[in-house]
Amino acid sequence: MTPRQQVLYLWANGSALDSTVVAWAFHDGTDGNVPGLPEVPDGRPPYDTGVDALRDGWRLLQSAQLIAQQTGQEHRNAYLDYEFVFERLVDC
């Protein structure tokens, strides 16, 4: 069996790992015959918070960098600020 990597990006509404997840992306380097993400209703994130992902066995690789908004730019739509990157190694 060869270990393969799964990567999970979670974007939250705050900088804390227990903030509510608002968006996500999942990249699976396996053959698809191993556990994926939890089953959830369409449109809902696989985890409510980053802490929930940790409890499910994901390892935190990177947490959100805190970057101060420039004055006057606080309400500008742009990329999501609070990104957390997780990985999980699974045997295939």
PDB file of N, CA and C in Angstrom:
ATOM      1  N   MET A   1       0.839  -1.179   0.000  1.00  0.00           N
ATOM      2  CA  MET A   1       0.000   0.000   0.000  1.00  0.00           C
ATOM      3  C   MET A   1       0.888   1.248   0.000  1.00  0.00           C
ATOM      4  N   THR A   2       0.495   2.195  -0.798  1.00  0.00           N
ATOM      5  CA  THR A   2       1.255   3.427  -0.942  1.00  0.00           C
ATOM      6  C   THR A   2       0.489   4.578  -0.303  1.00  0.00           C
ATOM      7  N   PRO A   3       1.138   5.373   0.560  1.00  0.00           N
ATOM      8  CA  PRO A   3       0.430   6.525   1.125  1.00  0.00           C
ATOM      9  C   PRO A   3       0.209   7.603   0.068  1.00  0.00           C
ATOM     10  N   ARG A   4      -0.989   8.134   0.030  1.00  0.00           N
ATOM     11  CA  ARG A   4      -1.356   9.215  -0.890  1.00  0.00           C
ATOM     12  C   ARG A   4      -1.920  10.379  -0.078  1.00  0.00           C
ATOM     13  N   GLN A   5      -1.791  11.563  -0.631  1.00  0.00           N
ATOM     14  CA  GLN A   5      -2.186  12.769   0.082  1.00  0.00           C
ATOM     15  C   GLN A   5      -3.557  13.270  -0.373  1.00  0.00           C
ATOM     16  N   GLN A   6      -4.343  13.696   0.605  1.00  0.00           N
ATOM     17  CA  GLN A   6      -5.568  14.443   0.361  1.00  0.00           C
ATOM     18  C   GLN A   6      -5.364  15.822   0.980  1.00  0.00           C
ATOM     19  N   VAL A   7      -5.785  16.865   0.280  1.00  0.00           N
ATOM     20  CA  VAL A   7      -5.611  18.236   0.754  1.00  0.00           C
ATOM     21  C   VAL A   7      -6.982  18.899   0.842  1.00  0.00           C
ATOM     22  N   LEU A   8      -7.216  19.571   1.954  1.00  0.00           N
ATOM     23  CA  LEU A   8      -8.488  20.238   2.204  1.00  0.00           C
ATOM     24  C   LEU A   8      -8.221  21.702   2.543  1.00  0.00           C
ATOM     25  N   TYR A   9      -8.832  22.594   1.789  1.00  0.00           N
ATOM     26  CA  TYR A   9      -8.777  24.029   2.073  1.00  0.00           C
ATOM     27  C   TYR A   9     -10.107  24.420   2.698  1.00  0.00           C
ATOM     28  N   LEU A  10     -10.045  25.100   3.832  1.00  0.00           N
ATOM     29  CA  LEU A  10     -11.247  25.643   4.458  1.00  0.00           C
ATOM     30  C   LEU A  10     -11.065  27.147   4.607  1.00  0.00           C
ATOM     31  N   TRP A  11     -12.056  27.910   4.180  1.00  0.00           N
ATOM     32  CA  TRP A  11     -12.059  29.356   4.380  1.00  0.00           C
ATOM     33  C   TRP A  11     -13.128  29.663   5.418  1.00  0.00           C
ATOM     34  N   ALA A  12     -12.746  30.410   6.444  1.00  0.00           N
ATOM     35  CA  ALA A  12     -13.641  30.688   7.563  1.00  0.00           C
ATOM     36  C   ALA A  12     -14.027  32.165   7.589  1.00  0.00           C
ATOM     37  N   ASN A  13     -14.999  32.474   8.436  1.00  0.00           N
ATOM     38  CA  ASN A  13     -15.437  33.867   8.563  1.00  0.00           C
ATOM     39  C   ASN A  13     -14.652  34.622   9.628  1.00  0.00           C
ATOM     40  N   GLY A  14     -13.608  34.011  10.169  1.00  0.00           N
ATOM     41  CA  GLY A  14     -12.746  34.654  11.153  1.00  0.00           C
ATOM     42  C   GLY A  14     -11.396  33.968  11.190  1.00  0.00           C
ATOM     43  N   SER A  15     -10.472  34.537  11.948  1.00  0.00           N
ATOM     44  CA  SER A  15      -9.101  34.030  11.963  1.00  0.00           C
ATOM     45  C   SER A  15      -8.889  32.842  12.902  1.00  0.00           C
ATOM     46  N   ALA A  16      -9.845  32.551  13.759  1.00  0.00           N
ATOM     47  CA  ALA A  16      -9.707  31.446  14.706  1.00  0.00           C
ATOM     48  C   ALA A  16     -10.102  30.129  14.048  1.00  0.00           C
ATOM     49  N   LEU A  17      -9.453  29.067  14.451  1.00  0.00           N
ATOM     50  CA  LEU A  17      -9.714  27.746  13.881  1.00  0.00           C
ATOM     51  C   LEU A  17     -11.131  27.252  14.187  1.00  0.00           C
ATOM     52  N   ASP A  18     -11.756  27.827  15.202  1.00  0.00           N
ATOM     53  CA  ASP A  18     -13.131  27.430  15.519  1.00  0.00           C
ATOM     54  C   ASP A  18     -14.172  28.367  14.899  1.00  0.00           C
ATOM     55  N   SER A  19     -13.747  29.214  13.956  1.00  0.00           N
ATOM     56  CA  SER A  19     -14.685  30.075  13.223  1.00  0.00           C
ATOM     57  C   SER A  19     -15.471  29.242  12.214  1.00  0.00           C
ATOM     58  N   THR A  20     -16.627  29.724  11.826  1.00  0.00           N
ATOM     59  CA  THR A  20     -17.504  29.013  10.898  1.00  0.00           C
ATOM     60  C   THR A  20     -16.913  28.977   9.490  1.00  0.00           C
ATOM     61  N   VAL A  21     -16.935  27.796   8.875  1.00  0.00           N
ATOM     62  CA  VAL A  21     -16.442  27.620   7.507  1.00  0.00           C
ATOM     63  C   VAL A  21     -17.467  28.188   6.529  1.00  0.00           C
ATOM     64  N   VAL A  22     -16.981  28.985   5.553  1.00  0.00           N
ATOM     65  CA  VAL A  22     -17.863  29.590   4.556  1.00  0.00           C
ATOM     66  C   VAL A  22     -17.590  29.077   3.140  1.00  0.00           C
ATOM     67  N   ALA A  23     -16.430  28.450   2.917  1.00  0.00           N
ATOM     68  CA  ALA A  23     -16.092  27.902   1.597  1.00  0.00           C
ATOM     69  C   ALA A  23     -15.029  26.820   1.786  1.00  0.00           C
ATOM     70  N   TRP A  24     -14.889  25.952   0.791  1.00  0.00           N
ATOM     71  CA  TRP A  24     -13.918  24.870   0.894  1.00  0.00           C
ATOM     72  C   TRP A  24     -13.536  24.367  -0.487  1.00  0.00           C
ATOM     73  N   ALA A  25     -12.400  23.648  -0.524  1.00  0.00           N
ATOM     74  CA  ALA A  25     -11.953  22.946  -1.729  1.00  0.00           C
ATOM     75  C   ALA A  25     -11.263  21.670  -1.265  1.00  0.00           C
ATOM     76  N   PHE A  26     -11.440  20.591  -2.025  1.00  0.00           N
ATOM     77  CA  PHE A  26     -10.874  19.289  -1.674  1.00  0.00           C
ATOM     78  C   PHE A  26     -10.126  18.749  -2.883  1.00  0.00           C
ATOM     79  N   HIS A  27      -8.884  18.325  -2.666  1.00  0.00           N
ATOM     80  CA  HIS A  27      -8.060  17.754  -3.730  1.00  0.00           C
ATOM     81  C   HIS A  27      -7.617  16.369  -3.273  1.00  0.00           C
ATOM     82  N   ASP A  28      -7.947  15.371  -4.072  1.00  0.00           N
ATOM     83  CA  ASP A  28      -7.743  13.980  -3.689  1.00  0.00           C
ATOM     84  C   ASP A  28      -6.675  13.343  -4.575  1.00  0.00           C
ATOM     85  N   GLY A  29      -5.543  12.980  -3.975  1.00  0.00           N
ATOM     86  CA  GLY A  29      -4.467  12.334  -4.710  1.00  0.00           C
ATOM     87  C   GLY A  29      -4.536  10.823  -4.662  1.00  0.00           C
ATOM     88  N   THR A  30      -5.685  10.288  -4.265  1.00  0.00           N
ATOM     89  CA  THR A  30      -5.838   8.838  -4.166  1.00  0.00           C
ATOM     90  C   THR A  30      -6.550   8.304  -5.399  1.00  0.00           C
ATOM     91  N   ASP A  31      -6.790   7.001  -5.389  1.00  0.00           N
ATOM     92  CA  ASP A  31      -7.519   6.379  -6.496  1.00  0.00           C
ATOM     93  C   ASP A  31      -9.032   6.457  -6.312  1.00  0.00           C
ATOM     94  N   GLY A  32      -9.479   7.124  -5.249  1.00  0.00           N
ATOM     95  CA  GLY A  32     -10.910   7.286  -5.010  1.00  0.00           C
ATOM     96  C   GLY A  32     -11.554   6.163  -4.226  1.00  0.00           C
ATOM     97  N   ASN A  33     -10.794   5.147  -3.839  1.00  0.00           N
ATOM     98  CA  ASN A  33     -11.346   4.012  -3.098  1.00  0.00           C
ATOM     99  C   ASN A  33     -11.049   4.088  -1.607  1.00  0.00           C
ATOM    100  N   VAL A  34     -10.837   5.284  -1.101  1.00  0.00           N
ATOM    101  CA  VAL A  34     -10.549   5.499   0.318  1.00  0.00           C
ATOM    102  C   VAL A  34     -11.512   6.563   0.841  1.00  0.00           C
ATOM    103  N   PRO A  35     -11.547   6.773   2.148  1.00  0.00           N
ATOM    104  CA  PRO A  35     -12.467   7.788   2.674  1.00  0.00           C
ATOM    105  C   PRO A  35     -12.229   9.159   2.050  1.00  0.00           C
ATOM    106  N   GLY A  36     -13.310   9.831   1.740  1.00  0.00           N
ATOM    107  CA  GLY A  36     -13.242  11.194   1.229  1.00  0.00           C
ATOM    108  C   GLY A  36     -13.720  12.147   2.300  1.00  0.00           C
ATOM    109  N   LEU A  37     -14.592  13.044   1.926  1.00  0.00           N
ATOM    110  CA  LEU A  37     -15.152  13.995   2.879  1.00  0.00           C
ATOM    111  C   LEU A  37     -16.451  13.451   3.457  1.00  0.00           C
ATOM    112  N   PRO A  38     -16.858  13.937   4.630  1.00  0.00           N
ATOM    113  CA  PRO A  38     -18.136  13.500   5.196  1.00  0.00           C
ATOM    114  C   PRO A  38     -19.297  13.844   4.267  1.00  0.00           C
ATOM    115  N   GLU A  39     -20.311  13.004   4.278  1.00  0.00           N
ATOM    116  CA  GLU A  39     -21.521  13.263   3.490  1.00  0.00           C
ATOM    117  C   GLU A  39     -22.293  14.410   4.140  1.00  0.00           C
ATOM    118  N   VAL A  40     -22.600  15.430   3.344  1.00  0.00           N
ATOM    119  CA  VAL A  40     -23.363  16.576   3.843  1.00  0.00           C
ATOM    120  C   VAL A  40     -24.380  16.984   2.783  1.00  0.00           C
ATOM    121  N   PRO A  41     -25.432  17.693   3.191  1.00  0.00           N
ATOM    122  CA  PRO A  41     -26.386  18.188   2.187  1.00  0.00           C
ATOM    123  C   PRO A  41     -25.681  19.090   1.180  1.00  0.00           C
ATOM    124  N   ASP A  42     -26.178  19.089  -0.026  1.00  0.00           N
ATOM    125  CA  ASP A  42     -25.591  19.873  -1.109  1.00  0.00           C
ATOM    126  C   ASP A  42     -25.421  21.339  -0.709  1.00  0.00           C
ATOM    127  N   GLY A  43     -24.238  21.872  -0.961  1.00  0.00           N
ATOM    128  CA  GLY A  43     -23.981  23.275  -0.684  1.00  0.00           C
ATOM    129  C   GLY A  43     -23.431  23.574   0.697  1.00  0.00           C
ATOM    130  N   ARG A  44     -23.428  22.596   1.587  1.00  0.00           N
ATOM    131  CA  ARG A  44     -22.891  22.809   2.931  1.00  0.00           C
ATOM    132  C   ARG A  44     -21.438  22.371   2.972  1.00  0.00           C
ATOM    133  N   PRO A  45     -20.607  23.032   3.795  1.00  0.00           N
ATOM    134  CA  PRO A  45     -19.214  22.608   3.911  1.00  0.00           C
ATOM    135  C   PRO A  45     -19.111  21.248   4.602  1.00  0.00           C
ATOM    136  N   PRO A  46     -18.024  20.515   4.348  1.00  0.00           N
ATOM    137  CA  PRO A  46     -17.869  19.195   4.959  1.00  0.00           C
ATOM    138  C   PRO A  46     -17.643  19.266   6.468  1.00  0.00           C
ATOM    139  N   TYR A  47     -17.151  20.391   6.954  1.00  0.00           N
ATOM    140  CA  TYR A  47     -16.938  20.602   8.388  1.00  0.00           C
ATOM    141  C   TYR A  47     -17.446  21.993   8.743  1.00  0.00           C
ATOM    142  N   ASP A  48     -18.021  22.128   9.923  1.00  0.00           N
ATOM    143  CA  ASP A  48     -18.514  23.434  10.363  1.00  0.00           C
ATOM    144  C   ASP A  48     -17.381  24.370  10.758  1.00  0.00           C
ATOM    145  N   THR A  49     -16.290  23.799  11.286  1.00  0.00           N
ATOM    146  CA  THR A  49     -15.125  24.587  11.704  1.00  0.00           C
ATOM    147  C   THR A  49     -13.852  23.805  11.385  1.00  0.00           C
ATOM    148  N   GLY A  50     -12.721  24.478  11.456  1.00  0.00           N
ATOM    149  CA  GLY A  50     -11.439  23.801  11.291  1.00  0.00           C
ATOM    150  C   GLY A  50     -11.169  22.817  12.416  1.00  0.00           C
ATOM    151  N   VAL A  51     -11.652  23.115  13.604  1.00  0.00           N
ATOM    152  CA  VAL A  51     -11.481  22.202  14.737  1.00  0.00           C
ATOM    153  C   VAL A  51     -12.167  20.865  14.446  1.00  0.00           C
ATOM    154  N   ASP A  52     -13.328  20.913  13.798  1.00  0.00           N
ATOM    155  CA  ASP A  52     -14.023  19.676  13.432  1.00  0.00           C
ATOM    156  C   ASP A  52     -13.181  18.836  12.475  1.00  0.00           C
ATOM    157  N   ALA A  53     -12.470  19.484  11.554  1.00  0.00           N
ATOM    158  CA  ALA A  53     -11.587  18.756  10.636  1.00  0.00           C
ATOM    159  C   ALA A  53     -10.437  18.103  11.403  1.00  0.00           C
ATOM    160  N   LEU A  54      -9.872  18.816  12.370  1.00  0.00           N
ATOM    161  CA  LEU A  54      -8.807  18.234  13.199  1.00  0.00           C
ATOM    162  C   LEU A  54      -9.307  17.002  13.937  1.00  0.00           C
ATOM    163  N   ARG A  55     -10.503  17.088  14.480  1.00  0.00           N
ATOM    164  CA  ARG A  55     -11.078  15.966  15.234  1.00  0.00           C
ATOM    165  C   ARG A  55     -11.340  14.754  14.344  1.00  0.00           C
ATOM    166  N   ASP A  56     -11.466  14.996  13.032  1.00  0.00           N
ATOM    167  CA  ASP A  56     -11.709  13.908  12.084  1.00  0.00           C
ATOM    168  C   ASP A  56     -10.408  13.359  11.497  1.00  0.00           C
ATOM    169  N   GLY A  57      -9.265  13.817  12.011  1.00  0.00           N
ATOM    170  CA  GLY A  57      -7.990  13.250  11.595  1.00  0.00           C
ATOM    171  C   GLY A  57      -7.184  14.063  10.601  1.00  0.00           C
ATOM    172  N   TRP A  58      -7.664  15.235  10.194  1.00  0.00           N
ATOM    173  CA  TRP A  58      -6.903  16.088   9.284  1.00  0.00           C
ATOM    174  C   TRP A  58      -5.799  16.795  10.052  1.00  0.00           C
ATOM    175  N   ARG A  59      -4.654  16.997   9.399  1.00  0.00           N
ATOM    176  CA  ARG A  59      -3.522  17.708  10.004  1.00  0.00           C
ATOM    177  C   ARG A  59      -3.458  19.111   9.424  1.00  0.00           C
ATOM    178  N   LEU A  60      -3.306  20.090  10.303  1.00  0.00           N
ATOM    179  CA  LEU A  60      -3.232  21.484   9.874  1.00  0.00           C
ATOM    180  C   LEU A  60      -1.840  21.776   9.331  1.00  0.00           C
ATOM    181  N   LEU A  61      -1.762  22.245   8.082  1.00  0.00           N
ATOM    182  CA  LEU A  61      -0.489  22.604   7.462  1.00  0.00           C
ATOM    183  C   LEU A  61      -0.231  24.098   7.521  1.00  0.00           C
ATOM    184  N   GLN A  62      -1.283  24.880   7.357  1.00  0.00           N
ATOM    185  CA  GLN A  62      -1.124  26.332   7.313  1.00  0.00           C
ATOM    186  C   GLN A  62      -2.383  26.984   7.842  1.00  0.00           C
ATOM    187  N   SER A  63      -2.184  28.015   8.662  1.00  0.00           N
ATOM    188  CA  SER A  63      -3.333  28.764   9.154  1.00  0.00           C
ATOM    189  C   SER A  63      -3.340  30.154   8.527  1.00  0.00           C
ATOM    190  N   ALA A  64      -4.422  30.850   8.727  1.00  0.00           N
ATOM    191  CA  ALA A  64      -4.618  32.156   8.100  1.00  0.00           C
ATOM    192  C   ALA A  64      -3.597  33.172   8.601  1.00  0.00           C
ATOM    193  N   GLN A  65      -3.027  33.921   7.662  1.00  0.00           N
ATOM    194  CA  GLN A  65      -2.162  35.038   8.030  1.00  0.00           C
ATOM    195  C   GLN A  65      -3.047  36.239   8.312  1.00  0.00           C
ATOM    196  N   LEU A  66      -2.744  36.929   9.385  1.00  0.00           N
ATOM    197  CA  LEU A  66      -3.541  38.102   9.730  1.00  0.00           C
ATOM    198  C   LEU A  66      -2.923  39.326   9.067  1.00  0.00           C
ATOM    199  N   ILE A  67      -3.633  39.850   8.100  1.00  0.00           N
ATOM    200  CA  ILE A  67      -3.166  41.018   7.352  1.00  0.00           C
ATOM    201  C   ILE A  67      -4.180  42.133   7.565  1.00  0.00           C
ATOM    202  N   ALA A  68      -3.711  43.250   8.067  1.00  0.00           N
ATOM    203  CA  ALA A  68      -4.611  44.378   8.324  1.00  0.00           C
ATOM    204  C   ALA A  68      -5.130  44.957   7.010  1.00  0.00           C
ATOM    205  N   GLN A  69      -6.416  45.265   6.986  1.00  0.00           N
ATOM    206  CA  GLN A  69      -7.025  45.900   5.820  1.00  0.00           C
ATOM    207  C   GLN A  69      -6.574  47.354   5.737  1.00  0.00           C
ATOM    208  N   GLN A  70      -6.373  47.840   4.537  1.00  0.00           N
ATOM    209  CA  GLN A  70      -6.053  49.251   4.357  1.00  0.00           C
ATOM    210  C   GLN A  70      -7.296  50.080   4.646  1.00  0.00           C
ATOM    211  N   THR A  71      -7.090  51.249   5.184  1.00  0.00           N
ATOM    212  CA  THR A  71      -8.202  52.140   5.477  1.00  0.00           C
ATOM    213  C   THR A  71      -8.998  52.417   4.210  1.00  0.00           C
ATOM    214  N   GLY A  72     -10.312  52.251   4.315  1.00  0.00           N
ATOM    215  CA  GLY A  72     -11.194  52.457   3.176  1.00  0.00           C
ATOM    216  C   GLY A  72     -11.443  51.199   2.363  1.00  0.00           C
ATOM    217  N   GLN A  73     -10.712  50.111   2.644  1.00  0.00           N
ATOM    218  CA  GLN A  73     -10.854  48.862   1.888  1.00  0.00           C
ATOM    219  C   GLN A  73     -11.550  47.762   2.689  1.00  0.00           C
ATOM    220  N   GLU A  74     -12.058  48.096   3.876  1.00  0.00           N
ATOM    221  CA  GLU A  74     -12.623  47.091   4.773  1.00  0.00           C
ATOM    222  C   GLU A  74     -13.811  46.340   4.178  1.00  0.00           C
ATOM    223  N   HIS A  75     -14.561  46.977   3.299  1.00  0.00           N
ATOM    224  CA  HIS A  75     -15.774  46.360   2.753  1.00  0.00           C
ATOM    225  C   HIS A  75     -15.635  45.996   1.279  1.00  0.00           C
ATOM    226  N   ARG A  76     -14.434  46.015   0.759  1.00  0.00           N
ATOM    227  CA  ARG A  76     -14.177  45.660  -0.639  1.00  0.00           C
ATOM    228  C   ARG A  76     -14.236  44.142  -0.801  1.00  0.00           C
ATOM    229  N   ASN A  77     -14.921  43.678  -1.818  1.00  0.00           N
ATOM    230  CA  ASN A  77     -14.961  42.246  -2.105  1.00  0.00           C
ATOM    231  C   ASN A  77     -13.646  41.828  -2.751  1.00  0.00           C
ATOM    232  N   ALA A  78     -13.071  40.757  -2.261  1.00  0.00           N
ATOM    233  CA  ALA A  78     -11.806  40.257  -2.798  1.00  0.00           C
ATOM    234  C   ALA A  78     -11.723  38.770  -2.454  1.00  0.00           C
ATOM    235  N   TYR A  79     -10.529  38.266  -2.313  1.00  0.00           N
ATOM    236  CA  TYR A  79     -10.345  36.871  -1.943  1.00  0.00           C
ATOM    237  C   TYR A  79     -10.754  36.671  -0.486  1.00  0.00           C
ATOM    238  N   LEU A  80     -10.923  35.424  -0.098  1.00  0.00           N
ATOM    239  CA  LEU A  80     -11.304  35.111   1.280  1.00  0.00           C
ATOM    240  C   LEU A  80     -10.053  35.141   2.159  1.00  0.00           C
ATOM    241  N   ASP A  81     -10.100  35.919   3.220  1.00  0.00           N
ATOM    242  CA  ASP A  81      -8.915  36.166   4.049  1.00  0.00           C
ATOM    243  C   ASP A  81      -8.483  34.990   4.914  1.00  0.00           C
ATOM    244  N   TYR A  82      -9.404  34.249   5.459  1.00  0.00           N
ATOM    245  CA  TYR A  82      -9.075  33.292   6.517  1.00  0.00           C
ATOM    246  C   TYR A  82      -9.019  31.870   5.966  1.00  0.00           C
ATOM    247  N   GLU A  83      -7.870  31.531   5.382  1.00  0.00           N
ATOM    248  CA  GLU A  83      -7.676  30.237   4.734  1.00  0.00           C
ATOM    249  C   GLU A  83      -6.882  29.303   5.640  1.00  0.00           C
ATOM    250  N   PHE A  84      -7.382  28.085   5.777  1.00  0.00           N
ATOM    251  CA  PHE A  84      -6.695  27.038   6.529  1.00  0.00           C
ATOM    252  C   PHE A  84      -6.476  25.861   5.586  1.00  0.00           C
ATOM    253  N   VAL A  85      -5.265  25.310   5.597  1.00  0.00           N
ATOM    254  CA  VAL A  85      -4.923  24.200   4.711  1.00  0.00           C
ATOM    255  C   VAL A  85      -4.645  22.969   5.572  1.00  0.00           C
ATOM    256  N   PHE A  86      -5.320  21.868   5.239  1.00  0.00           N
ATOM    257  CA  PHE A  86      -5.180  20.611   5.971  1.00  0.00           C
ATOM    258  C   PHE A  86      -4.722  19.518   5.013  1.00  0.00           C
ATOM    259  N   GLU A  87      -4.109  18.483   5.574  1.00  0.00           N
ATOM    260  CA  GLU A  87      -3.772  17.305   4.775  1.00  0.00           C
ATOM    261  C   GLU A  87      -4.096  16.052   5.561  1.00  0.00           C
ATOM    262  N   ARG A  88      -4.274  14.991   4.798  1.00  0.00           N
ATOM    263  CA  ARG A  88      -4.470  13.667   5.387  1.00  0.00           C
ATOM    264  C   ARG A  88      -3.771  12.683   4.460  1.00  0.00           C
ATOM    265  N   LEU A  89      -2.994  11.778   5.037  1.00  0.00           N
ATOM    266  CA  LEU A  89      -2.351  10.721   4.263  1.00  0.00           C
ATOM    267  C   LEU A  89      -3.158   9.449   4.430  1.00  0.00           C
ATOM    268  N   VAL A  90      -3.489   8.813   3.312  1.00  0.00           N
ATOM    269  CA  VAL A  90      -4.257   7.572   3.341  1.00  0.00           C
ATOM    270  C   VAL A  90      -3.519   6.520   2.525  1.00  0.00           C
ATOM    271  N   ASP A  91      -3.646   5.276   2.931  1.00  0.00           N
ATOM    272  CA  ASP A  91      -3.022   4.172   2.204  1.00  0.00           C
ATOM    273  C   ASP A  91      -3.935   3.701   1.085  1.00  0.00           C
ATOM    274  N   CYS A  92      -3.369   3.547  -0.095  1.00  0.00           N
ATOM    275  CA  CYS A  92      -4.132   3.081  -1.263  1.00  0.00           C
ATOM    276  C   CYS A  92      -3.622   1.722  -1.698  1.00  0.00           C
TER     277      CYS A  92
END
